């Protein structure tokens, strides 16, 4: 069981890099933020489906226990097969094709996309000469080059990505992986009742990215990241005080969690958006993978263990330690929002090539939509570059 869960985890981790890269490189810059945040937020639609299926298949009055959990696990592969079919209709990134020397295939892909847009009534303007850069095919990026780019050329952006991913993962996993234990320990709920309380929690998480996502394209990345992180921190701090005072029951605590994660879910999705668009296109996937792995180590391992140890035991467990944990979570999120405000990148409405100069940008290559033509000698300096 552990081995196959490990394999499933590898696939899920790789998927974060694949889907965020695909979104960024295929979606127009005007809509890139809302689409990326919305799709990342649909994690919670899957969680709702899984919970609904669990209520049916884990009901021993309907299905024997030895079959119920196996049927729950089978839902994943069935949905996976559907996704594999849908993936066959997603074009390869023209940016990736061009940086790997497959220029003709990239041209065909762009022509097909443009033809589809025109058939649907969309209007496309011609790319001006001053919006083109020159690129050549680029060899696979080595780990040494990744380290150089992230730790030397883009130090502040790496710090930004690390901070956003770790802070959101800490808050998320701290509460998400212990919410059932909290409801049972402090409010006496049984397993079946706890399962029902998950639905409003998941709906709040799903609603945040879907309703707030467009603001990341219109109001701006830095303002919205600061706003969502800060609001989630404030509501969580208030929740901690009310919880410690004994002023909450299971329903009101769940309601406050819904508000916390309405904002935190949009902020967490924006963390994946941020790390997927602020680095050169040649290592975008690796950057997402790197920061995702770090966030899972800190948020997925440390936070649940820490918060589980803060939950008291007995009939009337002490609330003080868990209250302190909630306050720590609020401070962590607030810090993440402030860091995003200070070190964030105003990436809304900008081409990926304008946000970060491609490593393959040079003279004598193929015209590529982006910012003004750049050569290795004349390109603008990257941040932190002498």
Protein backbone atom coordinates (compact mmCIF):
# COMPACT_ATOMS: atom_id res chain seq x y z
CA UNK A 1 0.00 0.00 0.00
CA UNK A 2 2.75 2.44 0.96
CA UNK A 3 4.70 1.70 -2.20
CA UNK A 4 1.77 2.36 -4.51
CA UNK A 5 0.82 5.50 -2.61
CA UNK A 6 4.41 6.65 -3.14
CA UNK A 7 4.07 6.06 -6.88
CA UNK A 8 0.76 7.95 -6.93
CA UNK A 9 2.39 10.82 -5.06
CA UNK A 10 5.18 11.00 -7.65
CA UNK A 11 2.60 11.31 -10.40
CA UNK A 12 0.67 14.01 -8.58
CA UNK A 13 3.83 15.97 -7.84
CA UNK A 14 4.90 15.82 -11.48
CA UNK A 15 1.45 16.93 -12.55
CA UNK A 16 1.78 20.24 -10.73
CA UNK A 17 4.79 21.10 -12.87
CA UNK A 18 3.19 19.88 -16.09
CA UNK A 19 -0.19 21.59 -15.82
CA UNK A 20 1.08 24.94 -14.55
CA UNK A 21 3.65 25.08 -17.33
CA UNK A 22 1.04 24.20 -19.94
CA UNK A 23 -1.36 26.88 -18.69
CA UNK A 24 1.25 29.62 -18.65
CA UNK A 25 2.61 28.83 -22.09
CA UNK A 26 -0.74 28.41 -23.87
CA UNK A 27 -3.12 30.91 -22.23
CA UNK A 28 -3.05 34.58 -23.36
CA UNK A 29 -1.34 36.85 -20.86
CA UNK A 30 -4.57 38.79 -20.26
CA UNK A 31 -6.24 35.70 -18.80
CA UNK A 32 -3.25 33.69 -17.55
CA UNK A 33 -3.73 34.53 -13.89
CA UNK A 34 -7.39 33.66 -13.54
CA UNK A 35 -7.09 30.46 -15.58
CA UNK A 36 -4.08 29.18 -13.63
CA UNK A 37 -5.61 30.06 -10.25
CA UNK A 38 -8.98 28.61 -11.22
CA UNK A 39 -7.54 25.32 -12.40
CA UNK A 40 -5.36 24.96 -9.31
CA UNK A 41 -8.43 25.63 -7.20
CA UNK A 42 -10.37 22.78 -8.80
CA UNK A 43 -8.34 20.45 -6.62
CA UNK A 44 -11.21 21.00 -4.20
CA UNK A 45 -13.80 19.94 -6.76
CA UNK A 46 -12.00 16.61 -6.84
CA UNK A 47 -11.94 16.54 -3.04
CA UNK A 48 -15.71 17.06 -3.02
CA UNK A 49 -16.21 14.21 -5.48
CA UNK A 50 -13.97 11.96 -3.43
CA UNK A 51 -15.82 12.76 -0.22
CA UNK A 52 -19.23 12.19 -1.81
CA UNK A 53 -18.07 8.84 -3.16
CA UNK A 54 -16.69 7.95 0.26
CA UNK A 55 -20.03 8.59 1.94
CA UNK A 56 -21.56 5.98 -0.35
CA UNK A 57 -18.84 3.37 -0.70
CA UNK A 58 -17.76 3.47 2.95
CA UNK A 59 -21.30 2.99 4.22
CA UNK A 60 -21.20 -0.60 5.47
CA UNK A 61 -25.00 -0.78 5.33
CA UNK A 62 -24.72 -0.55 1.53
CA UNK A 63 -21.33 -2.02 0.60
CA UNK A 64 -19.22 -4.52 2.58
CA UNK A 65 -16.19 -2.91 4.19
CA UNK A 66 -13.70 -5.11 2.33
CA UNK A 67 -15.01 -3.75 -0.99
CA UNK A 68 -15.83 -0.17 -0.06
CA UNK A 69 -12.32 1.24 0.32
CA UNK A 70 -11.17 -0.55 -2.83
CA UNK A 71 -13.99 1.00 -4.84
CA UNK A 72 -12.99 4.43 -3.48
CA UNK A 73 -9.45 3.94 -4.75
CA UNK A 74 -10.76 2.90 -8.18
CA UNK A 75 -12.38 6.30 -8.71
CA UNK A 76 -8.92 7.84 -9.14
CA UNK A 77 -7.82 5.62 -12.04
CA UNK A 78 -11.17 6.09 -13.79
CA UNK A 79 -10.80 9.87 -13.67
CA UNK A 80 -7.16 9.50 -14.69
CA UNK A 81 -8.17 7.67 -17.87
CA UNK A 82 -10.55 10.51 -18.72
CA UNK A 83 -7.74 13.03 -18.26
CA UNK A 84 -5.40 10.99 -20.46
CA UNK A 85 -8.02 11.15 -23.23
CA UNK A 86 -8.44 14.91 -22.80
CA UNK A 87 -4.68 15.44 -22.83
CA UNK A 88 -4.52 14.12 -26.39
CA UNK A 89 -6.34 17.28 -27.49
CA UNK A 90 -4.01 19.74 -25.71
CA UNK A 91 -1.36 21.11 -28.09
CA UNK A 92 2.30 21.09 -27.14
CA UNK A 93 3.66 24.44 -26.01
CA UNK A 94 5.01 26.37 -29.04
CA UNK A 95 7.54 27.97 -26.70
CA UNK A 96 8.87 24.56 -25.69
CA UNK A 97 8.93 23.37 -29.31
CA UNK A 98 10.92 26.39 -30.47
CA UNK A 99 13.52 26.17 -27.72
CA UNK A 100 14.02 22.54 -28.71
CA UNK A 101 14.53 23.24 -32.40
CA UNK A 102 11.10 22.05 -33.58
CA UNK A 103 10.24 25.31 -35.32
CA UNK A 104 7.93 23.95 -38.03
CA UNK A 105 5.85 22.05 -35.47
CA UNK A 106 5.63 25.20 -33.35
CA UNK A 107 4.43 27.21 -36.36
CA UNK A 108 1.75 24.61 -37.14
CA UNK A 109 0.58 24.61 -33.54
CA UNK A 110 0.29 28.41 -33.45
CA UNK A 111 -1.49 28.42 -36.84
CA UNK A 112 -4.01 25.87 -35.57
CA UNK A 113 -4.68 27.87 -32.40
CA UNK A 114 -5.08 31.12 -34.33
CA UNK A 115 -7.41 29.46 -36.85
CA UNK A 116 -9.60 28.17 -34.01
CA UNK A 117 -9.75 31.62 -32.41
CA UNK A 118 -10.75 33.25 -35.70
CA UNK A 119 -13.45 30.62 -36.34
CA UNK A 120 -14.90 31.46 -32.95
CA UNK A 121 -15.02 35.17 -33.80
CA UNK A 122 -11.85 36.29 -32.06
CA UNK A 123 -9.57 38.98 -33.48
CA UNK A 124 -5.79 38.63 -33.62
CA UNK A 125 -3.40 41.42 -34.48
CA UNK A 126 -0.07 40.96 -36.17
CA UNK A 127 3.03 40.82 -34.04
CA UNK A 128 5.09 43.97 -34.46
CA UNK A 129 8.79 43.74 -35.15
CA UNK A 130 9.60 45.45 -31.86
CA UNK A 131 7.71 42.68 -30.04
CA UNK A 132 9.94 39.91 -31.37
CA UNK A 133 13.00 38.30 -29.87
CA UNK A 134 15.46 35.88 -31.40
CA UNK A 135 15.76 32.38 -29.99
CA UNK A 136 17.69 29.26 -30.90
CA UNK A 137 17.17 25.68 -29.82
CA UNK A 138 18.57 25.20 -26.33
CA UNK A 139 20.07 22.03 -24.81
CA UNK A 140 18.39 20.48 -21.75
CA UNK A 141 18.93 22.58 -18.66
CA UNK A 142 21.31 20.94 -16.18
CA UNK A 143 20.90 21.02 -12.41
CA UNK A 144 24.00 23.16 -12.23
CA UNK A 145 22.45 25.72 -14.57
CA UNK A 146 19.19 25.65 -12.64
CA UNK A 147 21.13 26.42 -9.46
CA UNK A 148 22.99 29.25 -11.20
CA UNK A 149 19.84 30.85 -12.57
CA UNK A 150 17.80 30.52 -9.38
CA UNK A 151 20.49 31.31 -6.82
CA UNK A 152 22.51 33.91 -8.72
CA UNK A 153 20.50 35.49 -11.53
CA UNK A 154 17.10 35.40 -9.80
CA UNK A 155 17.88 35.32 -6.10
CA UNK A 156 15.02 37.55 -4.96
CA UNK A 157 12.51 35.68 -7.14
CA UNK A 158 13.70 32.38 -5.70
CA UNK A 159 13.22 33.78 -2.20
CA UNK A 160 9.73 34.94 -3.24
CA UNK A 161 8.78 31.53 -4.61
CA UNK A 162 10.17 29.72 -1.58
CA UNK A 163 8.33 32.01 0.86
CA UNK A 164 4.97 31.83 -0.90
CA UNK A 165 4.99 28.07 -1.36
CA UNK A 166 6.16 27.27 2.15
CA UNK A 167 3.81 29.66 3.96
CA UNK A 168 0.68 28.55 2.11
CA UNK A 169 1.60 24.87 2.47
CA UNK A 170 2.21 25.31 6.20
CA UNK A 171 -1.21 26.81 6.81
CA UNK A 172 -3.04 24.46 4.49
CA UNK A 173 -1.64 21.19 5.70
CA UNK A 174 -1.64 22.25 9.34
CA UNK A 175 -5.41 22.71 9.37
CA UNK A 176 -6.53 20.40 6.56
CA UNK A 177 -4.82 17.29 7.93
CA UNK A 178 -6.01 17.90 11.51
CA UNK A 179 -9.50 19.33 10.99
CA UNK A 180 -11.19 15.97 11.64
CA UNK A 181 -9.13 15.41 14.78
CA UNK A 182 -10.04 18.88 16.06
CA UNK A 183 -13.76 18.37 15.47
CA UNK A 184 -13.72 15.00 17.21
CA UNK A 185 -11.47 15.98 20.13
CA UNK A 186 -13.02 19.33 21.06
CA UNK A 187 -16.62 18.97 19.88
CA UNK A 188 -17.29 15.24 20.18
CA UNK A 189 -18.23 14.58 16.56
CA UNK A 190 -18.13 11.02 15.23
CA UNK A 191 -16.54 9.97 11.94
CA UNK A 192 -19.71 10.19 9.85
CA UNK A 193 -20.52 13.68 11.14
CA UNK A 194 -16.97 14.89 10.47
CA UNK A 195 -17.28 13.76 6.85
CA UNK A 196 -20.31 16.00 6.39
CA UNK A 197 -18.46 19.00 7.82
CA UNK A 198 -15.84 18.61 5.10
CA UNK A 199 -18.24 19.71 2.35
CA UNK A 200 -18.64 23.39 3.32
CA UNK A 201 -14.88 23.52 4.01
CA UNK A 202 -14.14 22.25 0.48
CA UNK A 203 -16.75 24.53 -1.10
CA UNK A 204 -15.10 27.58 0.49
CA UNK A 205 -11.74 26.45 -0.88
CA UNK A 206 -13.20 26.00 -4.35
CA UNK A 207 -15.12 29.29 -4.37
CA UNK A 208 -12.11 31.46 -3.52
CA UNK A 209 -10.02 30.82 -6.66
CA UNK A 210 -13.06 30.83 -8.94
CA UNK A 211 -14.48 34.12 -7.62
CA UNK A 212 -11.24 35.99 -6.95
CA UNK A 213 -9.06 34.67 -9.77
CA UNK A 214 -9.87 37.40 -12.29
CA UNK A 215 -8.73 40.07 -9.83
CA UNK A 216 -5.17 38.78 -10.10
CA UNK A 217 -5.29 39.86 -13.75
CA UNK A 218 -7.08 43.17 -13.20
CA UNK A 219 -6.11 44.48 -9.75
CA UNK A 220 -2.65 42.92 -10.00
CA UNK A 221 -0.58 40.06 -8.66
CA UNK A 222 1.17 41.78 -5.75
CA UNK A 223 -1.92 43.55 -4.41
CA UNK A 224 -4.06 40.42 -4.55
CA UNK A 225 -1.43 38.14 -3.05
CA UNK A 226 -0.92 40.56 -0.17
CA UNK A 227 -4.69 40.90 0.22
CA UNK A 228 -5.55 37.19 0.21
CA UNK A 229 -2.68 36.17 2.48
CA UNK A 230 -3.39 39.01 4.91
CA UNK A 231 -7.15 38.49 5.08
CA UNK A 232 -6.74 34.77 5.68
CA UNK A 233 -4.24 35.56 8.45
CA UNK A 234 -6.59 38.07 10.13
CA UNK A 235 -9.59 35.72 10.08
CA UNK A 236 -7.45 32.84 11.37
CA UNK A 237 -6.18 35.04 14.22
CA UNK A 238 -9.76 35.93 15.17
CA UNK A 239 -10.67 32.24 14.95
CA UNK A 240 -7.83 31.37 17.32
CA UNK A 241 -9.04 33.87 19.93
CA UNK A 242 -12.67 32.72 19.72
CA UNK A 243 -11.62 29.06 19.84
CA UNK A 244 -9.50 29.65 22.95
CA UNK A 245 -12.39 31.48 24.62
CA UNK A 246 -14.73 28.54 24.00
CA UNK A 247 -17.05 30.74 21.96
CA UNK A 248 -17.26 28.39 18.98
CA UNK A 249 -19.06 25.16 18.24
CA UNK A 250 -18.30 22.74 15.40
CA UNK A 251 -20.49 24.62 12.92
CA UNK A 252 -19.17 28.11 13.68
CA UNK A 253 -15.55 26.90 13.66
CA UNK A 254 -16.09 25.25 10.29
CA UNK A 255 -17.73 28.45 9.03
CA UNK A 256 -14.71 30.50 10.04
CA UNK A 257 -12.41 27.96 8.40
CA UNK A 258 -14.44 28.40 5.22
CA UNK A 259 -13.79 32.15 5.32
CA UNK A 260 -10.08 31.64 6.06
CA UNK A 261 -9.62 29.31 3.15
CA UNK A 262 -11.83 31.26 0.78
CA UNK A 263 -8.96 33.76 0.75
CA UNK A 264 -6.13 31.33 1.49
CA UNK A 265 -7.11 29.03 -1.37
CA UNK A 266 -6.84 31.86 -3.91
CA UNK A 267 -3.55 32.88 -2.34
CA UNK A 268 -2.21 29.33 -2.41
CA UNK A 269 -3.16 28.94 -6.06
CA UNK A 270 -1.40 32.23 -6.81
CA UNK A 271 1.77 30.76 -5.30
CA UNK A 272 1.81 28.11 -8.04
CA UNK A 273 1.04 30.80 -10.59
CA UNK A 274 3.92 32.94 -9.34
CA UNK A 275 6.64 30.30 -9.40
CA UNK A 276 5.47 29.15 -12.84
CA UNK A 277 5.79 32.53 -14.56
CA UNK A 278 8.74 34.41 -13.02
CA UNK A 279 11.58 32.20 -14.29
CA UNK A 280 12.92 31.67 -17.85
CA UNK A 281 10.78 29.37 -19.96
CA UNK A 282 13.51 26.75 -20.29
CA UNK A 283 13.38 25.82 -16.61
CA UNK A 284 9.81 26.72 -15.67
CA UNK A 285 8.80 23.13 -15.03
CA UNK A 286 11.88 22.45 -12.92
CA UNK A 287 11.27 25.60 -10.88
CA UNK A 288 7.72 24.53 -10.08
CA UNK A 289 8.92 21.06 -9.12
CA UNK A 290 11.67 22.45 -6.90
CA UNK A 291 9.44 24.77 -4.90
CA UNK A 292 6.59 22.24 -4.74
CA UNK A 293 8.96 19.66 -3.23
CA UNK A 294 10.19 22.12 -0.62
CA UNK A 295 6.67 23.17 0.30
CA UNK A 296 5.57 19.56 0.72
CA UNK A 297 8.50 18.86 3.03
CA UNK A 298 7.75 21.82 5.28
CA UNK A 299 3.98 22.03 4.97
CA UNK A 300 3.11 18.42 4.23
CA UNK A 301 5.34 16.81 6.84
CA UNK A 302 6.25 19.30 9.55
CA UNK A 303 2.97 21.23 9.89
CA UNK A 304 0.58 18.24 10.36
CA UNK A 305 2.95 16.64 12.86
CA UNK A 306 3.30 19.91 14.78
CA UNK A 307 -0.42 20.67 14.91
CA UNK A 308 -1.38 17.09 15.78
CA UNK A 309 0.95 17.30 18.77
CA UNK A 310 -0.78 20.51 19.91
CA UNK A 311 -4.22 18.89 20.09
CA UNK A 312 -4.98 17.95 23.67
CA UNK A 313 -6.19 14.59 24.93
CA UNK A 314 -9.01 13.51 27.21
CA UNK A 315 -12.63 14.57 27.55
CA UNK A 316 -11.90 18.29 27.91
CA UNK A 317 -8.55 18.88 26.16
CA UNK A 318 -6.63 22.11 26.69
CA UNK A 319 -7.18 24.70 23.96
CA UNK A 320 -4.15 26.87 24.66
CA UNK A 321 -1.49 24.94 22.68
CA UNK A 322 -3.64 24.65 19.57
CA UNK A 323 -4.55 28.33 19.86
CA UNK A 324 -0.86 29.17 19.79
CA UNK A 325 -0.51 26.97 16.71
CA UNK A 326 -3.30 28.86 14.93
CA UNK A 327 -1.67 32.19 15.80
CA UNK A 328 1.64 30.90 14.41
CA UNK A 329 -0.16 29.90 11.22
CA UNK A 330 -1.66 33.39 10.94
CA UNK A 331 1.74 35.04 11.42
CA UNK A 332 3.28 32.75 8.80
CA UNK A 333 0.63 33.68 6.24
CA UNK A 334 0.96 37.39 7.01
CA UNK A 335 4.72 37.12 6.51
CA UNK A 336 4.17 35.40 3.17
CA UNK A 337 1.89 38.21 2.00
CA UNK A 338 4.33 40.93 3.03
CA UNK A 339 7.22 39.17 1.30
CA UNK A 340 5.11 38.89 -1.87
CA UNK A 341 4.38 42.62 -1.73
CA UNK A 342 8.05 43.53 -1.33
CA UNK A 343 9.62 41.01 -3.70
CA UNK A 344 6.67 40.27 -5.99
CA UNK A 345 6.62 40.74 -9.74
CA UNK A 346 3.88 42.70 -11.54
CA UNK A 347 3.36 39.93 -14.09
CA UNK A 348 -0.28 40.66 -14.97
CA UNK A 349 -0.87 41.17 -18.68
CA UNK A 350 2.78 40.58 -19.58
CA UNK A 351 4.29 38.03 -21.92
CA UNK A 352 6.35 35.36 -20.24
CA UNK A 353 9.36 36.59 -22.21
CA UNK A 354 8.86 40.07 -20.77
CA UNK A 355 8.76 38.71 -17.23
CA UNK A 356 11.95 36.65 -17.56
CA UNK A 357 14.42 36.69 -20.46
CA UNK A 358 14.63 33.22 -22.07
CA UNK A 359 17.98 31.49 -21.75
CA UNK A 360 17.75 30.76 -25.47
CA UNK A 361 17.40 34.43 -26.39
CA UNK A 362 20.14 35.37 -28.86
CA UNK A 363 20.65 36.70 -32.38
CA UNK A 364 20.31 34.80 -35.62
CA UNK A 365 17.47 32.59 -34.49
CA UNK A 366 13.76 32.44 -35.19
CA UNK A 367 11.30 35.25 -34.54
CA UNK A 368 9.41 34.66 -31.32
CA UNK A 369 6.66 36.78 -29.82
CA UNK A 370 7.78 38.63 -26.71
CA UNK A 371 9.62 41.81 -25.90
CA UNK A 372 12.10 43.82 -27.98
CA UNK A 373 14.86 41.90 -29.81
CA UNK A 374 17.68 40.93 -27.50
CA UNK A 375 21.08 39.48 -28.09
CA UNK A 376 23.35 37.87 -25.54
CA UNK A 377 25.26 41.15 -25.30
CA UNK A 378 22.41 43.65 -25.54
CA UNK A 379 19.65 42.04 -23.50
CA UNK A 380 18.52 43.84 -20.31
CA UNK A 381 20.32 42.77 -17.18
CA UNK A 382 18.54 40.30 -14.96
CA UNK A 383 17.90 41.26 -11.38
CA UNK A 384 20.96 40.91 -9.13
CA UNK A 385 23.21 40.91 -12.22
CA UNK A 386 26.22 43.29 -12.09
